[in-house]
Protein backbone atom coordinates (compact mmCIF):
# COMPACT_ATOMS: atom_id res chain seq x y z
CA UNK A 1 -60.49 55.88 69.86
CA UNK A 2 -61.21 57.99 66.47
CA UNK A 3 -57.92 57.02 64.46
CA UNK A 4 -56.32 59.89 62.29
CA UNK A 5 -57.05 59.51 58.65
CA UNK A 6 -53.64 60.01 56.42
CA UNK A 7 -53.23 62.82 54.37
CA UNK A 8 -52.67 62.12 50.66
CA UNK A 9 -50.38 64.39 48.81
CA UNK A 10 -52.18 64.28 45.35
CA UNK A 11 -55.15 66.23 47.19
CA UNK A 12 -57.05 69.48 45.34
CA UNK A 13 -59.18 71.68 46.97
CA UNK A 14 -62.04 73.69 44.60
CA UNK A 15 -60.28 76.29 42.92
CA UNK A 16 -60.86 79.43 45.02
CA UNK A 17 -61.41 81.62 42.06
CA UNK A 18 -64.32 79.98 40.34
CA UNK A 19 -65.99 79.06 44.04
CA UNK A 20 -66.23 82.53 44.73
CA UNK A 21 -67.84 83.83 41.32
CA UNK A 22 -70.15 80.97 41.74
CA UNK A 23 -70.74 81.70 45.10
CA UNK A 24 -71.89 85.19 44.18
CA UNK A 25 -74.20 84.31 41.58
CA UNK A 26 -75.68 81.40 43.66
CA UNK A 27 -76.41 84.20 46.51
CA UNK A 28 -77.99 86.51 43.88
CA UNK A 29 -79.87 84.38 42.50
CA UNK A 30 -81.35 82.58 45.71
CA UNK A 31 -81.77 85.72 47.60
CA UNK A 32 -83.45 87.84 44.92
CA UNK A 33 -84.97 85.31 42.42
CA UNK A 34 -86.20 82.68 44.71
CA UNK A 35 -86.59 83.93 48.07
CA UNK A 36 -84.36 81.80 49.93
CA UNK A 37 -83.84 82.09 53.61
CA UNK A 38 -81.31 80.04 55.54
CA UNK A 39 -81.93 79.50 59.30
CA UNK A 40 -78.21 78.14 60.48
CA UNK A 41 -77.20 76.59 63.75
CA UNK A 42 -75.04 78.53 65.92
CA UNK A 43 -72.73 75.45 66.26
CA UNK A 44 -71.49 75.15 63.05
CA UNK A 45 -70.34 79.09 62.84
CA UNK A 46 -66.64 78.05 64.20
CA UNK A 47 -66.49 74.23 63.28
CA UNK A 48 -63.32 73.69 61.47
CA UNK A 49 -61.76 70.06 60.67
CA UNK A 50 -63.21 67.88 58.61
CA UNK A 51 -67.12 67.53 58.08
CA UNK A 52 -69.76 65.69 56.39
CA UNK A 53 -72.89 67.50 54.88
CA UNK A 54 -75.82 65.83 53.87
CA UNK A 55 -79.00 67.39 52.46
CA UNK A 56 -82.33 66.36 51.14
CA UNK A 57 -82.69 66.54 47.02
CA UNK A 58 -85.91 68.56 46.32
CA UNK A 59 -84.07 70.60 42.79
CA UNK A 60 -81.37 71.37 40.95
CA UNK A 61 -81.14 74.58 43.17
CA UNK A 62 -79.92 72.15 46.65
CA UNK A 63 -76.35 72.52 46.08
CA UNK A 64 -76.58 76.40 45.57
CA UNK A 65 -78.10 76.34 49.04
CA UNK A 66 -76.21 74.27 50.63
CA UNK A 67 -73.44 76.44 49.95
CA UNK A 68 -74.67 79.29 50.88
CA UNK A 69 -75.26 77.60 54.32
CA UNK A 70 -71.31 76.81 54.69
CA UNK A 71 -70.40 80.74 53.70
CA UNK A 72 -66.87 80.65 54.08
CA UNK A 73 -65.64 77.35 53.19
CA UNK A 74 -65.55 75.40 50.22
CA UNK A 75 -67.49 72.26 49.76
CA UNK A 76 -66.57 69.19 47.60
CA UNK A 77 -69.87 67.73 46.20
CA UNK A 78 -70.89 64.31 45.27
CA UNK A 79 -72.35 64.68 41.85
CA UNK A 80 -74.09 61.86 39.34
CA UNK A 81 -71.34 61.05 36.68
CA UNK A 82 -73.46 61.97 33.68
CA UNK A 83 -73.23 65.54 34.93
CA UNK A 84 -69.82 65.36 33.80
CA UNK A 85 -70.63 64.16 29.99
CA UNK A 86 -71.31 67.76 28.47
CA UNK A 87 -67.77 69.60 28.31
CA UNK A 88 -68.74 72.93 29.68
CA UNK A 89 -70.27 71.14 32.84
CA UNK A 90 -67.10 68.99 32.95
CA UNK A 91 -64.74 71.96 33.01
CA UNK A 92 -66.50 73.33 35.65
CA UNK A 93 -67.22 70.76 37.84
CA UNK A 94 -63.72 69.19 37.54
CA UNK A 95 -62.47 72.66 38.90
CA UNK A 96 -64.75 72.63 41.53
CA UNK A 97 -62.94 69.28 42.69
CA UNK A 98 -66.88 67.78 42.95
CA UNK A 99 -66.76 63.65 42.84
CA UNK A 100 -68.14 61.65 39.84
CA UNK A 101 -70.10 59.04 41.03
CA UNK A 102 -72.34 56.14 39.38
CA UNK A 103 -76.03 56.84 40.67
CA UNK A 104 -77.13 53.55 42.63
CA UNK A 105 -73.94 51.65 41.54
CA UNK A 106 -70.83 50.62 43.72
CA UNK A 107 -68.35 53.27 42.90
CA UNK A 108 -65.09 52.48 44.66
CA UNK A 109 -63.26 55.64 43.20
CA UNK A 110 -65.63 57.68 44.53
CA UNK A 111 -65.38 56.24 47.91
CA UNK A 112 -61.28 56.93 47.65
CA UNK A 113 -62.04 60.51 46.86
CA UNK A 114 -64.73 60.88 49.42
CA UNK A 115 -62.39 59.52 52.09
CA UNK A 116 -59.09 61.84 50.57
CA UNK A 117 -61.12 65.14 51.10
CA UNK A 118 -61.75 64.25 54.78
CA UNK A 119 -58.52 63.51 55.38
CA UNK A 120 -57.79 66.98 54.38
CA UNK A 121 -60.03 68.04 56.48
CA UNK A 122 -62.92 69.66 54.09
CA UNK A 123 -65.97 69.40 53.77
CA UNK A 124 -67.86 66.41 51.57
CA UNK A 125 -71.46 67.25 50.51
CA UNK A 126 -73.62 64.30 49.59
CA UNK A 127 -77.35 64.08 49.06
CA UNK A 128 -77.90 60.30 50.03
CA UNK A 129 -81.24 60.00 48.24
CA UNK A 130 -78.71 59.68 45.18
CA UNK A 131 -81.61 61.74 42.90
CA UNK A 132 -83.83 64.77 42.88
CA UNK A 133 -87.34 64.20 44.55
CA UNK A 134 -90.06 62.33 42.02
CA UNK A 135 -93.16 64.04 43.58
CA UNK A 136 -92.04 66.49 46.27
CA UNK A 137 -91.41 63.86 49.34
CA UNK A 138 -88.55 62.21 50.24
CA UNK A 139 -86.89 58.93 48.37
CA UNK A 140 -85.32 55.86 49.87
CA UNK A 141 -81.34 55.51 51.14
CA UNK A 142 -78.99 52.48 51.36
CA UNK A 143 -77.15 52.03 54.06
CA UNK A 144 -73.82 53.20 52.25
CA UNK A 145 -73.57 56.48 53.95
CA UNK A 146 -74.48 55.48 57.21
CA UNK A 147 -71.64 53.04 57.02
CA UNK A 148 -68.98 55.44 55.77
CA UNK A 149 -70.02 58.11 58.85
CA UNK A 150 -70.08 54.97 61.22
CA UNK A 151 -66.43 54.08 59.85
CA UNK A 152 -65.08 57.69 59.74
CA UNK A 153 -66.36 59.13 62.75
CA UNK A 154 -66.49 62.67 61.21
CA UNK A 155 -68.70 65.29 62.23
CA UNK A 156 -72.13 65.51 60.19
CA UNK A 157 -74.46 68.49 59.48
CA UNK A 158 -77.59 68.81 57.23
CA UNK A 159 -78.97 71.12 55.01
CA UNK A 160 -82.74 70.14 55.47
CA UNK A 161 -84.76 72.33 52.21
CA UNK A 162 -88.64 72.84 51.80
CA UNK A 163 -90.16 74.94 49.14
CA UNK A 164 -87.33 74.02 46.25
CA UNK A 165 -89.45 71.29 44.74
CA UNK A 166 -92.05 73.80 44.61
CA UNK A 167 -90.21 76.26 42.73
CA UNK A 168 -88.63 73.56 40.15
CA UNK A 169 -90.98 70.58 40.18
CA UNK A 170 -88.50 67.39 38.38
CA UNK A 171 -91.59 66.61 36.06
CA UNK A 172 -91.78 70.39 35.13
CA UNK A 173 -91.28 71.00 31.36
CA UNK A 174 -91.46 75.27 32.53
CA UNK A 175 -88.55 75.13 34.76
CA UNK A 176 -88.23 77.20 37.37
CA UNK A 177 -91.36 79.25 39.22
CA UNK A 178 -89.89 81.71 41.76
CA UNK A 179 -91.64 81.67 44.80
CA UNK A 180 -90.12 81.01 48.71
CA UNK A 181 -87.45 78.52 49.87
CA UNK A 182 -86.57 77.44 53.57
CA UNK A 183 -83.81 75.92 54.56
CA UNK A 184 -82.65 74.81 58.11
CA UNK A 185 -78.47 73.64 58.48
CA UNK A 186 -77.50 72.04 61.72
CA UNK A 187 -75.21 69.83 63.09
CA UNK A 188 -76.35 66.35 63.48
CA UNK A 189 -73.39 64.54 64.99
CA UNK A 190 -70.19 65.76 66.65
CA UNK A 191 -67.36 63.00 66.38
CA UNK A 192 -68.06 62.13 69.97
CA UNK A 193 -71.67 60.93 69.21
CA UNK A 194 -70.78 58.21 67.18
CA UNK A 195 -68.71 56.49 69.18
CA UNK A 196 -70.60 52.70 69.05
CA UNK A 197 -73.67 53.93 67.32
CA UNK A 198 -74.96 51.19 65.00
CA UNK A 199 -75.37 51.73 61.49
CA UNK A 200 -79.10 50.89 61.72
CA UNK A 201 -79.24 53.84 64.14
CA UNK A 202 -77.53 56.28 61.97
CA UNK A 203 -79.43 55.36 58.84
CA UNK A 204 -83.11 55.90 61.02
CA UNK A 205 -81.93 59.61 62.19
CA UNK A 206 -80.76 60.25 59.01
CA UNK A 207 -83.96 59.69 57.61
CA UNK A 208 -85.27 61.51 59.80
CA UNK A 209 -83.43 64.83 59.33
CA UNK A 210 -83.61 64.54 56.05
CA UNK A 211 -87.19 63.90 55.92
CA UNK A 212 -89.43 66.63 54.03
CA UNK A 213 -92.81 66.91 52.20
CA UNK A 214 -93.11 70.28 49.96
CA UNK A 215 -96.65 69.90 49.74
CA UNK A 216 -97.25 69.57 53.38
CA UNK A 217 -95.21 72.84 54.05
CA UNK A 218 -97.08 74.31 51.53
CA UNK A 219 -100.36 73.67 53.91
CA UNK A 220 -98.92 75.88 56.45
CA UNK A 221 -97.42 78.50 54.39
CA UNK A 222 -99.54 78.99 51.17
CA UNK A 223 -96.88 80.79 48.65
CA UNK A 224 -97.39 81.67 45.59
CA UNK A 225 -95.03 80.01 43.04
CA UNK A 226 -94.74 81.91 40.01
CA UNK A 227 -96.12 79.92 36.22
CA UNK A 228 -97.78 80.64 33.31
CA UNK A 229 -98.53 76.94 32.82
CA UNK A 230 -97.98 75.14 36.22
CA UNK A 231 -99.21 71.47 35.06
CA UNK A 232 -96.77 71.55 32.22
CA UNK A 233 -95.33 67.87 32.24
CA UNK A 234 -97.18 66.89 35.36
CA UNK A 235 -98.22 63.52 33.01
CA UNK A 236 -94.58 62.39 32.97
CA UNK A 237 -95.57 61.63 37.07
CA UNK A 238 -99.18 61.65 37.47
CA UNK A 239 -100.09 59.02 34.62
CA UNK A 240 -102.66 57.09 36.00
CA UNK A 241 -106.69 58.37 35.87
CA UNK A 242 -108.46 58.02 39.15
CA UNK A 243 -111.55 58.27 37.41
CA UNK A 244 -111.38 55.33 35.12
CA UNK A 245 -107.92 53.66 36.22
CA UNK A 246 -106.60 53.98 32.76
CA UNK A 247 -102.20 53.67 32.71
CA UNK A 248 -100.71 56.46 30.78
CA UNK A 249 -103.77 58.59 29.96
CA UNK A 250 -103.24 61.90 31.43
CA UNK A 251 -102.37 64.74 29.31
CA UNK A 252 -101.29 68.06 29.96
CA UNK A 253 -101.82 71.69 28.85
CA UNK A 254 -101.14 75.13 30.75
CA UNK A 255 -102.80 74.16 34.19
CA UNK A 256 -104.49 71.09 33.54
CA UNK A 257 -104.44 67.50 33.38
CA UNK A 258 -106.95 65.78 31.57
CA UNK A 259 -107.70 61.83 30.97
CA UNK A 260 -107.26 61.31 27.19
CA UNK A 261 -109.72 57.88 27.74
CA UNK A 262 -112.78 59.48 29.76
CA UNK A 263 -112.18 63.30 30.13
CA UNK A 264 -111.57 63.44 33.82
CA UNK A 265 -109.95 66.39 34.64
CA UNK A 266 -107.97 68.81 37.31
CA UNK A 267 -106.45 71.59 37.45
CA UNK A 268 -103.10 73.40 39.26
CA UNK A 269 -103.75 76.86 41.12
CA UNK A 270 -100.48 79.07 41.77
CA UNK A 271 -99.74 76.83 45.27
CA UNK A 272 -99.56 73.76 43.49
CA UNK A 273 -102.47 72.17 44.56
CA UNK A 274 -105.14 70.15 42.25
CA UNK A 275 -109.03 71.02 41.67
CA UNK A 276 -111.07 68.61 40.31
CA UNK A 277 -112.59 70.05 37.24
CA UNK A 278 -114.68 67.67 35.14
CA UNK A 279 -118.14 69.02 33.66
CA UNK A 280 -119.93 65.57 34.19
CA UNK A 281 -120.57 65.00 37.72
CA UNK A 282 -120.30 61.11 36.78
CA UNK A 283 -116.64 61.49 36.32
CA UNK A 284 -116.27 62.98 39.76
CA UNK A 285 -113.80 60.87 42.12
CA UNK A 286 -111.81 61.55 45.57
CA UNK A 287 -109.89 64.90 44.42
CA UNK A 288 -106.11 63.96 45.19
CA UNK A 289 -104.91 67.86 46.93
CA UNK A 290 -101.63 67.49 45.01
CA UNK A 291 -99.30 65.55 43.01
CA UNK A 292 -97.41 63.95 45.73
CA UNK A 293 -100.79 62.51 47.04
CA UNK A 294 -101.69 61.30 43.65
CA UNK A 295 -98.15 59.34 43.09
CA UNK A 296 -98.65 57.87 46.41
CA UNK A 297 -101.82 56.44 45.26
CA UNK A 298 -100.25 55.46 41.59
CA UNK A 299 -97.39 53.42 43.94
CA UNK A 300 -100.09 51.46 45.90
CA UNK A 301 -101.95 50.46 42.47
CA UNK A 302 -98.78 49.38 41.16
CA UNK A 303 -98.19 47.66 43.94
CA UNK A 304 -101.66 45.43 43.41
CA UNK A 305 -100.47 45.26 40.13
CA UNK A 306 -97.48 43.24 40.96
CA UNK A 307 -99.33 41.11 43.47
CA UNK A 308 -101.08 39.46 40.44
CA UNK A 309 -99.22 36.80 38.72
CA UNK A 310 -100.43 37.32 35.60
CA UNK A 311 -98.99 41.11 35.41
CA UNK A 312 -97.62 41.79 32.18
CA UNK A 313 -96.75 45.35 30.34
CA UNK A 314 -94.12 45.83 27.26
CA UNK A 315 -93.00 48.72 25.32
CA UNK A 316 -91.16 49.25 22.48
CA UNK A 317 -87.48 50.86 22.92
CA UNK A 318 -84.55 51.70 22.08
CA UNK A 319 -81.04 51.08 23.85
CA UNK A 320 -77.67 52.51 23.67
CA UNK A 321 -74.64 51.37 25.40
CA UNK A 322 -72.82 54.40 27.61
CA UNK A 323 -69.10 53.93 27.61
CA UNK A 324 -66.87 55.66 29.83
CA UNK A 325 -66.45 59.45 29.25
CA UNK A 326 -70.33 59.17 28.83
CA UNK A 327 -69.97 58.41 25.32
CA UNK A 328 -73.55 56.97 23.59
CA UNK A 329 -73.24 53.68 21.15
CA UNK A 330 -76.82 52.87 19.70
CA UNK A 331 -77.40 49.25 20.42
CA UNK A 332 -80.39 48.96 18.54
CA UNK A 333 -84.22 48.01 19.23
CA UNK A 334 -86.11 45.73 21.05
CA UNK A 335 -89.30 45.21 23.75
CA UNK A 336 -89.01 46.22 27.86
CA UNK A 337 -91.26 43.37 29.50
CA UNK A 338 -92.27 44.31 32.88
CA UNK A 339 -93.92 41.47 35.16
CA UNK A 340 -94.04 40.89 38.56
CA UNK A 341 -90.95 40.76 39.69
CA UNK A 342 -88.18 42.08 37.39
CA UNK A 343 -87.78 43.99 33.96
CA UNK A 344 -86.83 42.15 30.72
CA UNK A 345 -85.29 43.90 27.77
CA UNK A 346 -85.32 41.58 24.40
CA UNK A 347 -83.76 42.89 21.82
CA UNK A 348 -84.82 42.74 18.45
CA UNK A 349 -82.97 44.97 15.99
CA UNK A 350 -79.20 45.29 16.93
CA UNK A 351 -77.55 48.21 15.17
CA UNK A 352 -75.40 45.88 13.28
CA UNK A 353 -76.78 42.86 11.96
CA UNK A 354 -73.92 41.13 12.49
CA UNK A 355 -74.20 41.36 16.34
CA UNK A 356 -76.48 39.14 18.87
CA UNK A 357 -79.62 41.50 20.26
CA UNK A 358 -79.19 42.18 23.67
CA UNK A 359 -80.99 41.00 26.67
CA UNK A 360 -81.05 42.30 30.12
CA UNK A 361 -82.59 41.13 32.77
CA UNK A 362 -83.24 43.64 35.86
CA UNK A 363 -84.96 42.28 39.19
CA UNK A 364 -87.05 45.25 40.77
CA UNK A 365 -85.52 44.35 44.53
CA UNK A 366 -82.12 45.02 43.10
CA UNK A 367 -82.08 48.55 43.24
CA UNK A 368 -83.60 51.49 45.17
CA UNK A 369 -83.77 54.01 42.08
CA UNK A 370 -82.85 54.29 38.56
CA UNK A 371 -81.22 57.28 36.64
CA UNK A 372 -83.68 58.71 34.60
CA UNK A 373 -85.45 61.86 33.01
CA UNK A 374 -89.34 62.49 33.15
CA UNK A 375 -90.78 61.16 30.15
CA UNK A 376 -88.11 60.64 27.97
CA UNK A 377 -85.37 58.06 29.37
CA UNK A 378 -83.85 56.41 32.10
CA UNK A 379 -80.18 54.80 32.69
CA UNK A 380 -79.35 51.37 34.65
CA UNK A 381 -76.18 49.65 35.42
CA UNK A 382 -75.90 45.97 35.25
CA UNK A 383 -72.44 44.70 35.77
CA UNK A 384 -70.26 47.09 35.28
CA UNK A 385 -72.28 48.90 31.82
CA UNK A 386 -74.38 51.47 32.01
CA UNK A 387 -77.21 51.33 29.54
CA UNK A 388 -79.53 53.85 28.22
CA UNK A 389 -83.06 52.89 27.33
CA UNK A 390 -86.00 55.15 25.75
CA UNK A 391 -89.49 53.48 25.85
CA UNK A 392 -92.45 54.30 23.66
CA UNK A 393 -94.06 56.09 24.90
CA UNK A 394 -91.61 58.36 27.00
CA UNK A 395 -94.57 58.68 29.84
CA UNK A 396 -94.01 54.70 30.25
CA UNK A 397 -90.46 55.74 32.26
CA UNK A 398 -92.64 56.42 35.76
CA UNK A 399 -94.65 53.40 35.19
CA UNK A 400 -90.82 51.61 35.11
CA UNK A 401 -89.87 53.61 38.04
CA UNK A 402 -92.98 52.97 40.29
CA UNK A 403 -92.64 48.99 39.83
CA UNK A 404 -89.42 49.48 41.32
CA UNK A 405 -90.33 51.68 43.87
CA UNK A 406 -93.61 49.61 44.42
CA UNK A 407 -91.83 46.68 44.61
CA UNK A 408 -88.93 47.65 47.15
CA UNK A 409 -88.63 49.81 50.22
CA UNK A 410 -90.33 53.13 50.20
CA UNK A 411 -90.15 55.87 52.63
CA UNK A 412 -93.88 57.04 52.09
CA UNK A 413 -95.45 53.61 52.11
CA UNK A 414 -95.95 51.02 55.02
CA UNK A 415 -96.36 47.23 55.25
CA UNK A 416 -99.64 47.18 54.03
CA UNK A 417 -98.92 49.66 51.14
CA UNK A 418 -101.06 52.55 52.63
CA UNK A 419 -99.89 55.96 52.88
CA UNK A 420 -97.95 56.89 55.79
CA UNK A 421 -98.59 60.31 57.55
């Protein structure tokens, strides 16, 4: 029998006045500008008491859409701690009673606050992937959410969103591109459904409920997404040339993506699909229809490289130490070295010559992802300390992310490294 959760008098709900204002702005933006349509499970209408809401995470718009799906109730969102580093965001997020959490790292304080929300019959909103989609498909999730659901025996709902990645691709340098977004909010588990349900099964059913691929959705809907430069920034995801196989070779401009080494070129249309444009027939190769297919091919290529005992890449990089509260302190320059099983940073020029240069080892298998900004930097927590790395060139960030994904479990690759589906 489910044991009642003890309440804590220090619990603070989201500020009603601010939540109401932001909800109104979100509704206006999502319905008028982004064409959001939400299909709701009738069972959610009269659901009361504690609730865990899970969502796939294609874009920055997802929390707005999730809040719209549960109008009339205020949600407590689990939010990456780096959003709290800017004073304005900190002020807003604190008053909305959001819960800061260090990405891809155990955070017991965040866990205690999550349980506190449920003890007070609140709605806890979580994105189990822990990051926005890289390529329009799902990211890996770990066991932590499934374990918490199994422990608390709270009802679980899901908001699955399609079209939001095409609306605001993570790699885009031109921001959002209005078109259409479809969302489906439904009840995944009632409390009684979770009795004696093993964690592995809960995780598998969560992955199935959250699964999405915006480009497969787009093949059926053919929605135009308005942008003057739809491919701008795409080289920070699709960096490897499929013609000459050169790494970090692709360059984007407006709707085009071109290899700086061999001239291979593709163009992106308003629906997000790619078309081969190389004028030289000798440069024609099997063209990937979209960035997702291109990225899956890249992952398979990286997996091949990691299987070679002689694999080695290195990039100059600067590193900062991120202190509690988000303050960054420069720690110097060095070299990031990628080998078959790990990434190593070897410090060479500390900011203070009196300090010993940093040396950090990060095995690929130790994590399912990193906090990062395409084409610029990534952060990683090691033994309680968060480091921010800026490799040169910035395009190398995706190669580092791909090495981690290819070495570990990736939802779209099978055991042979081939694309699923």
